[in-house]
C-alpha atoms as a PDB file:
ATOM      1  CA  MET A   1       0.130   0.115  -0.090  1.00  0.00           C
ATOM      2  CA  THR A   2       1.167   3.329  -0.611  1.00  0.00           C
ATOM      3  CA  ASP A   3       0.705   6.714   1.166  1.00  0.00           C
ATOM      4  CA  LYS A   4       0.342   8.764  -2.121  1.00  0.00           C
ATOM      5  CA  ASN A   5      -2.992   9.429  -3.747  1.00  0.00           C
ATOM      6  CA  ILE A   6      -4.365   9.035  -7.358  1.00  0.00           C
ATOM      7  CA  VAL A   7      -2.573  12.450  -8.340  1.00  0.00           C
ATOM      8  CA  GLU A   8       0.266  11.830  -6.837  1.00  0.00           C
ATOM      9  CA  VAL A   9       0.678   8.151  -8.079  1.00  0.00           C
ATOM     10  CA  ALA A  10       0.157   9.086 -11.800  1.00  0.00           C
ATOM     11  CA  VAL A  11       2.621  12.588 -11.598  1.00  0.00           C
ATOM     12  CA  GLU A  12       5.288  10.441 -10.818  1.00  0.00           C
ATOM     13  CA  ALA A  13       4.857   7.909 -13.056  1.00  0.00           C
ATOM     14  CA  GLY A  14       5.845  10.912 -15.751  1.00  0.00           C
ATOM     15  CA  THR A  15       3.321   9.300 -18.514  1.00  0.00           C
ATOM     16  CA  PHE A  16       0.545  11.201 -17.553  1.00  0.00           C
ATOM     17  CA  THR A  17       1.137  14.644 -17.907  1.00  0.00           C
ATOM     18  CA  THR A  18      -1.694  15.319 -20.149  1.00  0.00           C
ATOM     19  CA  LEU A  19      -3.832  14.014 -17.412  1.00  0.00           C
ATOM     20  CA  ALA A  20      -2.567  15.546 -14.658  1.00  0.00           C
ATOM     21  CA  ALA A  21      -2.583  19.006 -16.884  1.00  0.00           C
ATOM     22  CA  ALA A  22      -6.652  17.985 -17.666  1.00  0.00           C
ATOM     23  CA  LEU A  23      -7.433  17.055 -13.763  1.00  0.00           C
ATOM     24  CA  GLY A  24      -6.002  20.947 -13.005  1.00  0.00           C
ATOM     25  CA  ALA A  25      -7.940  22.848 -15.872  1.00  0.00           C
ATOM     26  CA  ALA A  26     -10.791  21.166 -14.946  1.00  0.00           C
ATOM     27  CA  ASP A  27     -10.266  21.297 -11.104  1.00  0.00           C
ATOM     28  CA  LEU A  28     -10.993  17.823 -10.201  1.00  0.00           C
ATOM     29  CA  VAL A  29      -7.250  17.592  -8.557  1.00  0.00           C
ATOM     30  CA  ALA A  30      -8.834  17.926  -5.036  1.00  0.00           C
ATOM     31  CA  THR A  31     -11.655  15.151  -6.061  1.00  0.00           C
ATOM     32  CA  LEU A  32      -9.180  12.603  -7.252  1.00  0.00           C
ATOM     33  CA  GLN A  33      -6.961  13.382  -3.842  1.00  0.00           C
ATOM     34  CA  SER A  34      -9.865  12.969  -1.763  1.00  0.00           C
ATOM     35  CA  GLU A  35     -10.710   9.767   0.301  1.00  0.00           C
ATOM     36  CA  GLY A  36     -12.197   7.829  -2.645  1.00  0.00           C
ATOM     37  CA  PRO A  37     -12.189   5.352  -3.147  1.00  0.00           C
ATOM     38  CA  PHE A  38     -12.024   5.537  -6.797  1.00  0.00           C
ATOM     39  CA  THR A  39     -10.929   3.248  -9.903  1.00  0.00           C
ATOM     40  CA  VAL A  40      -9.558   5.258 -12.994  1.00  0.00           C
ATOM     41  CA  PHE A  41      -8.606   4.560 -16.138  1.00  0.00           C
ATOM     42  CA  ALA A  42      -5.887   6.427 -17.072  1.00  0.00           C
ATOM     43  CA  PRO A  43      -5.159   7.153 -20.524  1.00  0.00           C
ATOM     44  CA  THR A  44      -1.238   7.613 -21.643  1.00  0.00           C
ATOM     45  CA  ASP A  45       0.182  10.909 -22.803  1.00  0.00           C
ATOM     46  CA  ASP A  46       0.327   8.809 -26.070  1.00  0.00           C
ATOM     47  CA  ALA A  47      -3.469   8.092 -25.734  1.00  0.00           C
ATOM     48  CA  PHE A  48      -3.937  12.067 -25.299  1.00  0.00           C
ATOM     49  CA  ALA A  49      -1.827  12.639 -28.675  1.00  0.00           C
ATOM     50  CA  ALA A  50      -3.538  10.335 -30.575  1.00  0.00           C
ATOM     51  CA  LEU A  51      -6.767  12.619 -30.547  1.00  0.00           C
ATOM     52  CA  PRO A  52      -7.715  14.512 -33.497  1.00  0.00           C
ATOM     53  CA  GLU A  53      -5.184  17.724 -33.420  1.00  0.00           C
ATOM     54  CA  GLY A  54      -5.982  20.370 -31.658  1.00  0.00           C
ATOM     55  CA  LEU A  55      -8.689  18.949 -29.712  1.00  0.00           C
ATOM     56  CA  VAL A  56      -6.626  18.530 -26.327  1.00  0.00           C
ATOM     57  CA  ALA A  57      -5.725  22.427 -26.684  1.00  0.00           C
ATOM     58  CA  ALA A  58      -9.358  22.912 -27.301  1.00  0.00           C
ATOM     59  CA  LEU A  59     -10.225  20.887 -24.228  1.00  0.00           C
ATOM     60  CA  LEU A  60      -7.908  22.954 -22.333  1.00  0.00           C
ATOM     61  CA  LEU A  61      -9.457  26.096 -22.766  1.00  0.00           C
ATOM     62  CA  PRO A  62     -11.878  27.800 -20.191  1.00  0.00           C
ATOM     63  CA  GLU A  63     -14.843  27.865 -22.012  1.00  0.00           C
ATOM     64  CA  ASN A  64     -14.612  23.959 -22.665  1.00  0.00           C
ATOM     65  CA  VAL A  65     -14.343  23.174 -19.090  1.00  0.00           C
ATOM     66  CA  ASP A  66     -17.415  21.287 -18.812  1.00  0.00           C
ATOM     67  CA  ALA A  67     -16.951  19.379 -21.534  1.00  0.00           C
ATOM     68  CA  LEU A  68     -13.212  17.915 -20.738  1.00  0.00           C
ATOM     69  CA  LYS A  69     -14.981  17.591 -16.936  1.00  0.00           C
ATOM     70  CA  SER A  70     -17.788  14.923 -18.659  1.00  0.00           C
ATOM     71  CA  ILE A  71     -14.702  13.297 -20.464  1.00  0.00           C
ATOM     72  CA  LEU A  72     -12.182  12.967 -17.429  1.00  0.00           C
ATOM     73  CA  THR A  73     -14.870  11.982 -14.984  1.00  0.00           C
ATOM     74  CA  TYR A  74     -16.356   9.347 -17.935  1.00  0.00           C
ATOM     75  CA  HIS A  75     -12.470   7.670 -17.063  1.00  0.00           C
ATOM     76  CA  VAL A  76     -13.338   7.311 -13.205  1.00  0.00           C
ATOM     77  CA  VAL A  77     -15.260   4.479 -11.548  1.00  0.00           C
ATOM     78  CA  SER A  78     -16.781   4.795  -7.608  1.00  0.00           C
ATOM     79  CA  GLY A  79     -15.358   2.246  -5.291  1.00  0.00           C
ATOM     80  CA  GLN A  80     -11.795   0.466  -5.786  1.00  0.00           C
ATOM     81  CA  VAL A  81     -11.972  -2.451  -9.020  1.00  0.00           C
ATOM     82  CA  HIS A  82      -9.048  -4.643  -9.150  1.00  0.00           C
ATOM     83  CA  ALA A  83      -8.405  -6.157 -12.544  1.00  0.00           C
ATOM     84  CA  ALA A  84      -9.207  -9.625 -10.877  1.00  0.00           C
ATOM     85  CA  ASP A  85     -12.812  -8.130 -10.332  1.00  0.00           C
ATOM     86  CA  VAL A  86     -13.966  -6.974 -14.120  1.00  0.00           C
ATOM     87  CA  THR A  87     -16.320  -8.540 -15.982  1.00  0.00           C
ATOM     88  CA  THR A  88     -17.589  -7.648 -19.096  1.00  0.00           C
ATOM     89  CA  GLY A  89     -20.528  -5.411 -18.822  1.00  0.00           C
ATOM     90  CA  ASP A  90     -21.548  -1.746 -18.650  1.00  0.00           C
ATOM     91  CA  VAL A  91     -19.866   0.113 -15.717  1.00  0.00           C
ATOM     92  CA  PRO A  92     -21.413   3.304 -14.298  1.00  0.00           C
ATOM     93  CA  THR A  93     -18.946   5.925 -14.506  1.00  0.00           C
ATOM     94  CA  VAL A  94     -18.872   9.415 -12.328  1.00  0.00           C
ATOM     95  CA  GLU A  95     -19.912  11.416 -15.261  1.00  0.00           C
ATOM     96  CA  GLY A  96     -23.146   9.709 -15.232  1.00  0.00           C
ATOM     97  CA  SER A  97     -23.307   7.369 -18.543  1.00  0.00           C
ATOM     98  CA  THR A  98     -22.125   3.432 -18.596  1.00  0.00           C
ATOM     99  CA  MET A  99     -18.619   2.489 -20.101  1.00  0.00           C
ATOM    100  CA  ALA A 100     -18.871  -0.971 -22.172  1.00  0.00           C
ATOM    101  CA  ILE A 101     -15.695  -3.736 -20.637  1.00  0.00           C
ATOM    102  CA  ASP A 102     -15.438  -6.446 -22.669  1.00  0.00           C
ATOM    103  CA  THR A 103     -12.950  -9.124 -20.992  1.00  0.00           C
ATOM    104  CA  ALA A 104     -13.254 -11.611 -23.884  1.00  0.00           C
ATOM    105  CA  ASP A 105      -9.446 -10.856 -25.396  1.00  0.00           C
ATOM    106  CA  GLY A 106      -7.673  -8.745 -22.602  1.00  0.00           C
ATOM    107  CA  VAL A 107      -9.928  -5.581 -21.214  1.00  0.00           C
ATOM    108  CA  VAL A 108     -11.009  -3.566 -23.725  1.00  0.00           C
ATOM    109  CA  ILE A 109     -13.558  -0.588 -22.950  1.00  0.00           C
ATOM    110  CA  ASN A 110     -16.420   0.820 -25.467  1.00  0.00           C
ATOM    111  CA  GLY A 111     -14.275  -1.123 -28.110  1.00  0.00           C
ATOM    112  CA  THR A 112     -11.280   1.040 -28.385  1.00  0.00           C
ATOM    113  CA  ALA A 113      -9.482   1.538 -25.346  1.00  0.00           C
ATOM    114  CA  LYS A 114      -7.374  -1.198 -24.360  1.00  0.00           C
ATOM    115  CA  VAL A 115      -6.094  -2.074 -20.339  1.00  0.00           C
ATOM    116  CA  THR A 116      -2.371  -2.070 -20.914  1.00  0.00           C
ATOM    117  CA  ALA A 117      -1.487  -1.692 -17.293  1.00  0.00           C
ATOM    118  CA  THR A 118      -4.007  -3.060 -14.146  1.00  0.00           C
ATOM    119  CA  ASP A 119      -3.885  -2.325 -10.495  1.00  0.00           C
ATOM    120  CA  ILE A 120      -1.704   0.616  -9.787  1.00  0.00           C
ATOM    121  CA  ALA A 121      -2.146   1.122  -6.184  1.00  0.00           C
ATOM    122  CA  ALA A 122      -2.631   4.508  -4.561  1.00  0.00           C
ATOM    123  CA  SER A 123      -3.923   5.706  -1.249  1.00  0.00           C
ATOM    124  CA  ASN A 124      -7.487   6.131  -1.959  1.00  0.00           C
ATOM    125  CA  GLY A 125      -7.975   3.926  -5.046  1.00  0.00           C
ATOM    126  CA  VAL A 126      -6.490   2.143  -8.062  1.00  0.00           C
ATOM    127  CA  ILE A 127      -5.184   3.243 -11.454  1.00  0.00           C
ATOM    128  CA  HIS A 128      -5.480   1.355 -14.522  1.00  0.00           C
ATOM    129  CA  VAL A 129      -3.685   2.322 -17.715  1.00  0.00           C
ATOM    130  CA  ILE A 130      -5.619   2.494 -21.178  1.00  0.00           C
ATOM    131  CA  ASP A 131      -4.341   3.561 -24.652  1.00  0.00           C
ATOM    132  CA  ALA A 132      -6.728   5.586 -25.816  1.00  0.00           C
ATOM    133  CA  VAL A 133      -8.986   8.646 -23.885  1.00  0.00           C
ATOM    134  CA  LEU A 134     -12.538   7.720 -23.936  1.00  0.00           C
ATOM    135  CA  VAL A 135     -15.110  10.233 -24.759  1.00  0.00           C
ATOM    136  CA  PRO A 136     -18.936   9.587 -23.352  1.00  0.00           C
ATOM    137  CA  ALA A 137     -21.874  10.000 -25.790  1.00  0.00           C
ATOM    138  CA  GLY A 138     -22.716  13.440 -24.452  1.00  0.00           C
ATOM    139  CA  VAL A 139     -19.568  15.215 -25.585  1.00  0.00           C
ATOM    140  CA  ASP A 140     -19.041  16.368 -29.524  1.00  0.00           C
ATOM    141  CA  ALA A 141     -15.111  16.501 -30.184  1.00  0.00           C
ATOM    142  CA  ALA A 142     -16.012  17.661 -33.604  1.00  0.00           C
ATOM    143  CA  ALA A 143     -17.929  20.825 -32.375  1.00  0.00           C
ATOM    144  CA  LEU A 144     -15.084  21.293 -30.085  1.00  0.00           C
ATOM    145  CA  LEU A 145     -12.854  21.478 -32.862  1.00  0.00           C
ATOM    146  CA  ALA A 146     -14.752  23.686 -35.091  1.00  0.00           C
END
């Protein structure tokens, strides 16, 4: 067990700098430093880099903070869910909608994001690393780029 919270563990890893910046811009750092517990499906910097050009910059603008919060909270599940407990099905997110988990061939979320590392411990939950950014149905990425 570590005494570092989810945000501290992610920042220390060095591969989540975009996620950390986004959490700051969305004013979610304090939330993910709170008691929790939370399960975070954390996209790497490479996952953010794979988004359409300009999307990350658009999301970080103050006028798009609601869309950014939706995207980030869509990566968070209440409670502490370890890899051994993950099953196929729809899982409710903190954002309010569900993500589709498929465990047939590894763990894949919404048919696009693969879990590449699991069970990274934090004092207030657990982190699973994913290779793509999840965008909830309520966020129109194309409109943000317009």
